[in-house]
Amino acid sequence: MSQSILIVDDEREIRELQAEYLGAQGYDVVTASSGGEAISLLRDEAHRFAVAVVDWQMTGIDGRAVIDMIRRQCPHVRVLISTGRAPEELSEQTVHRLGGVLLRKPFTLCSLGAEVQKLSFVE
């Protein structure tokens, strides 16, 4: 059985490209186009996901709120934070405090796949 990955990004093209790539790598991929949609999915199906790839900056409910919810209600879900923010705006220390792993944009699909693979096999 393949592991399920949740991709949360409000940019359709990015979300679809990531989903297509990770799906081709054998993952069961579910996407959310907003923080609110991600929170609903996690409330209903938190047990399903091994990893959540969460865009930090989204309109409405942002990545931080999604990650805070994951930490409180779904602590088994590993978090990969994707961001185009400068290091001084989102530091490695902040990411570490949030219990996530950082992937700075622009990144390659190969690097996304490598990070997801690392996180999906962490016990």
C-alpha atoms as a PDB file:
ATOM      1  CA  MET A   1       0.000   0.000   0.000  1.00  0.00           C
ATOM      2  CA  SER A   2       1.357   3.417  -0.932  1.00  0.00           C
ATOM      3  CA  GLN A   3       1.647   6.211   1.580  1.00  0.00           C
ATOM      4  CA  SER A   4      -0.681   9.183   1.324  1.00  0.00           C
ATOM      5  CA  ILE A   5       0.669  12.665   0.854  1.00  0.00           C
ATOM      6  CA  LEU A   6      -1.337  15.871   1.317  1.00  0.00           C
ATOM      7  CA  ILE A   7      -0.271  18.808  -0.858  1.00  0.00           C
ATOM      8  CA  VAL A   8      -1.551  22.208   0.257  1.00  0.00           C
ATOM      9  CA  ASP A   9      -0.944  25.103  -2.138  1.00  0.00           C
ATOM     10  CA  ASP A  10      -3.230  27.855  -3.400  1.00  0.00           C
ATOM     11  CA  GLU A  11      -1.454  27.977  -6.773  1.00  0.00           C
ATOM     12  CA  ARG A  12      -3.181  25.415  -8.986  1.00  0.00           C
ATOM     13  CA  GLU A  13      -0.269  24.834 -11.371  1.00  0.00           C
ATOM     14  CA  ILE A  14       2.210  24.205  -8.569  1.00  0.00           C
ATOM     15  CA  ARG A  15      -0.206  21.926  -6.696  1.00  0.00           C
ATOM     16  CA  GLU A  16      -1.007  19.884  -9.806  1.00  0.00           C
ATOM     17  CA  LEU A  17       2.628  19.564 -10.874  1.00  0.00           C
ATOM     18  CA  GLN A  18       3.677  18.349  -7.423  1.00  0.00           C
ATOM     19  CA  ALA A  19       0.736  15.930  -7.259  1.00  0.00           C
ATOM     20  CA  GLU A  20       1.497  14.501 -10.691  1.00  0.00           C
ATOM     21  CA  TYR A  21       5.176  14.019  -9.859  1.00  0.00           C
ATOM     22  CA  LEU A  22       4.602  12.413  -6.456  1.00  0.00           C
ATOM     23  CA  GLY A  23       1.799  10.256  -7.869  1.00  0.00           C
ATOM     24  CA  ALA A  24       4.223   8.958 -10.506  1.00  0.00           C
ATOM     25  CA  GLN A  25       6.603   8.103  -7.648  1.00  0.00           C
ATOM     26  CA  GLY A  26       3.963   5.761  -6.221  1.00  0.00           C
ATOM     27  CA  TYR A  27       2.382   7.968  -3.554  1.00  0.00           C
ATOM     28  CA  ASP A  28      -1.357   8.323  -3.057  1.00  0.00           C
ATOM     29  CA  VAL A  29      -1.708  12.114  -3.386  1.00  0.00           C
ATOM     30  CA  VAL A  30      -4.538  14.296  -2.122  1.00  0.00           C
ATOM     31  CA  THR A  31      -4.524  18.037  -2.800  1.00  0.00           C
ATOM     32  CA  ALA A  32      -6.013  21.046  -1.054  1.00  0.00           C
ATOM     33  CA  SER A  33      -6.286  24.442  -2.712  1.00  0.00           C
ATOM     34  CA  SER A  34      -6.468  26.376   0.547  1.00  0.00           C
ATOM     35  CA  GLY A  35      -5.599  26.203   4.205  1.00  0.00           C
ATOM     36  CA  GLY A  36      -9.280  25.814   5.048  1.00  0.00           C
ATOM     37  CA  GLU A  37      -9.666  22.851   2.712  1.00  0.00           C
ATOM     38  CA  ALA A  38      -6.540  21.256   4.190  1.00  0.00           C
ATOM     39  CA  ILE A  39      -7.848  21.624   7.734  1.00  0.00           C
ATOM     40  CA  SER A  40     -11.154  19.993   6.722  1.00  0.00           C
ATOM     41  CA  LEU A  41      -9.340  17.086   5.083  1.00  0.00           C
ATOM     42  CA  LEU A  42      -7.103  16.630   8.101  1.00  0.00           C
ATOM     43  CA  ARG A  43     -10.055  16.691  10.512  1.00  0.00           C
ATOM     44  CA  ASP A  44     -11.840  14.023   8.482  1.00  0.00           C
ATOM     45  CA  GLU A  45      -8.912  11.867   7.389  1.00  0.00           C
ATOM     46  CA  ALA A  46      -5.847  12.700   9.507  1.00  0.00           C
ATOM     47  CA  HIS A  47      -5.038   9.007   9.938  1.00  0.00           C
ATOM     48  CA  ARG A  48      -4.629   8.722   6.179  1.00  0.00           C
ATOM     49  CA  PHE A  49      -1.634  11.043   5.669  1.00  0.00           C
ATOM     50  CA  ALA A  50       2.032  10.329   6.292  1.00  0.00           C
ATOM     51  CA  VAL A  51       3.319  13.685   5.004  1.00  0.00           C
ATOM     52  CA  ALA A  52       1.805  17.110   4.354  1.00  0.00           C
ATOM     53  CA  VAL A  53       3.553  19.453   1.913  1.00  0.00           C
ATOM     54  CA  VAL A  54       2.319  22.877   3.029  1.00  0.00           C
ATOM     55  CA  ASP A  55       2.871  26.185   1.271  1.00  0.00           C
ATOM     56  CA  TRP A  56       3.735  28.778   3.903  1.00  0.00           C
ATOM     57  CA  GLN A  57       2.123  31.793   2.274  1.00  0.00           C
ATOM     58  CA  MET A  58      -1.473  31.362   1.114  1.00  0.00           C
ATOM     59  CA  THR A  59      -4.439  33.695   1.063  1.00  0.00           C
ATOM     60  CA  GLY A  60      -6.964  33.139   3.824  1.00  0.00           C
ATOM     61  CA  ILE A  61      -5.788  30.486   6.244  1.00  0.00           C
ATOM     62  CA  ASP A  62      -2.025  30.401   5.806  1.00  0.00           C
ATOM     63  CA  GLY A  63       0.492  27.598   6.124  1.00  0.00           C
ATOM     64  CA  ARG A  64       1.326  28.453   9.720  1.00  0.00           C
ATOM     65  CA  ALA A  65      -2.288  27.888  10.789  1.00  0.00           C
ATOM     66  CA  VAL A  66      -2.399  24.560   8.928  1.00  0.00           C
ATOM     67  CA  ILE A  67       0.858  23.446  10.551  1.00  0.00           C
ATOM     68  CA  ASP A  68      -0.338  24.537  14.013  1.00  0.00           C
ATOM     69  CA  MET A  69      -3.461  22.400  13.520  1.00  0.00           C
ATOM     70  CA  ILE A  70      -1.367  19.440  12.377  1.00  0.00           C
ATOM     71  CA  ARG A  71       0.857  19.718  15.457  1.00  0.00           C
ATOM     72  CA  ARG A  72      -2.157  19.849  17.808  1.00  0.00           C
ATOM     73  CA  GLN A  73      -4.435  17.257  16.233  1.00  0.00           C
ATOM     74  CA  CYS A  74      -2.351  15.106  13.869  1.00  0.00           C
ATOM     75  CA  PRO A  75       1.140  14.870  15.390  1.00  0.00           C
ATOM     76  CA  HIS A  76       1.984  11.727  13.384  1.00  0.00           C
ATOM     77  CA  VAL A  77       1.822  13.705  10.100  1.00  0.00           C
ATOM     78  CA  ARG A  78       5.275  14.871   8.971  1.00  0.00           C
ATOM     79  CA  VAL A  79       5.373  18.421   7.586  1.00  0.00           C
ATOM     80  CA  LEU A  80       7.361  19.746   4.636  1.00  0.00           C
ATOM     81  CA  ILE A  81       7.072  23.534   4.430  1.00  0.00           C
ATOM     82  CA  SER A  82       7.495  25.044   0.977  1.00  0.00           C
ATOM     83  CA  THR A  83       8.202  28.748   0.776  1.00  0.00           C
ATOM     84  CA  GLY A  84       9.615  31.474  -1.371  1.00  0.00           C
ATOM     85  CA  ARG A  85      10.145  33.636   1.714  1.00  0.00           C
ATOM     86  CA  ALA A  86      13.597  34.972   2.432  1.00  0.00           C
ATOM     87  CA  PRO A  87      15.547  33.293   5.260  1.00  0.00           C
ATOM     88  CA  GLU A  88      15.098  36.353   7.483  1.00  0.00           C
ATOM     89  CA  GLU A  89      11.304  36.074   7.058  1.00  0.00           C
ATOM     90  CA  LEU A  90      11.127  32.338   7.758  1.00  0.00           C
ATOM     91  CA  SER A  91      14.184  31.028   9.521  1.00  0.00           C
ATOM     92  CA  GLU A  92      15.358  27.457   9.964  1.00  0.00           C
ATOM     93  CA  GLN A  93      14.868  27.956  13.724  1.00  0.00           C
ATOM     94  CA  THR A  94      11.189  28.820  13.224  1.00  0.00           C
ATOM     95  CA  VAL A  95      10.720  25.787  10.981  1.00  0.00           C
ATOM     96  CA  HIS A  96      12.433  23.590  13.568  1.00  0.00           C
ATOM     97  CA  ARG A  97      10.166  24.949  16.339  1.00  0.00           C
ATOM     98  CA  LEU A  98       7.176  24.088  14.161  1.00  0.00           C
ATOM     99  CA  GLY A  99       8.493  20.543  13.780  1.00  0.00           C
ATOM    100  CA  GLY A 100       8.814  20.768  10.026  1.00  0.00           C
ATOM    101  CA  VAL A 101      11.356  20.496   7.268  1.00  0.00           C
ATOM    102  CA  LEU A 102      11.958  23.457   4.966  1.00  0.00           C
ATOM    103  CA  LEU A 103      12.065  23.386   1.180  1.00  0.00           C
ATOM    104  CA  ARG A 104      12.797  26.816  -0.302  1.00  0.00           C
ATOM    105  CA  LYS A 105      11.283  27.818  -3.634  1.00  0.00           C
ATOM    106  CA  PRO A 106      12.222  27.499  -6.344  1.00  0.00           C
ATOM    107  CA  PHE A 107      12.971  23.803  -5.887  1.00  0.00           C
ATOM    108  CA  THR A 108      13.121  20.915  -8.306  1.00  0.00           C
ATOM    109  CA  LEU A 109      10.584  18.124  -8.346  1.00  0.00           C
ATOM    110  CA  CYS A 110      13.478  15.773  -7.689  1.00  0.00           C
ATOM    111  CA  SER A 111      14.324  17.583  -4.443  1.00  0.00           C
ATOM    112  CA  LEU A 112      10.641  17.553  -3.452  1.00  0.00           C
ATOM    113  CA  GLY A 113      10.524  13.812  -4.041  1.00  0.00           C
ATOM    114  CA  ALA A 114      13.703  13.238  -2.040  1.00  0.00           C
ATOM    115  CA  GLU A 115      12.398  15.213   0.949  1.00  0.00           C
ATOM    116  CA  VAL A 116       9.007  13.495   0.881  1.00  0.00           C
ATOM    117  CA  GLN A 117      10.716  10.111   0.712  1.00  0.00           C
ATOM    118  CA  LYS A 118      12.885  10.950   3.734  1.00  0.00           C
ATOM    119  CA  LEU A 119       9.883  12.113   5.748  1.00  0.00           C
ATOM    120  CA  SER A 120       7.596   9.272   4.738  1.00  0.00           C
ATOM    121  CA  PHE A 121       9.964   6.668   6.127  1.00  0.00           C
ATOM    122  CA  VAL A 122      10.750   8.380   9.436  1.00  0.00           C
ATOM    123  CA  GLU A 123       9.430   6.359  12.360  1.00  0.00           C
END
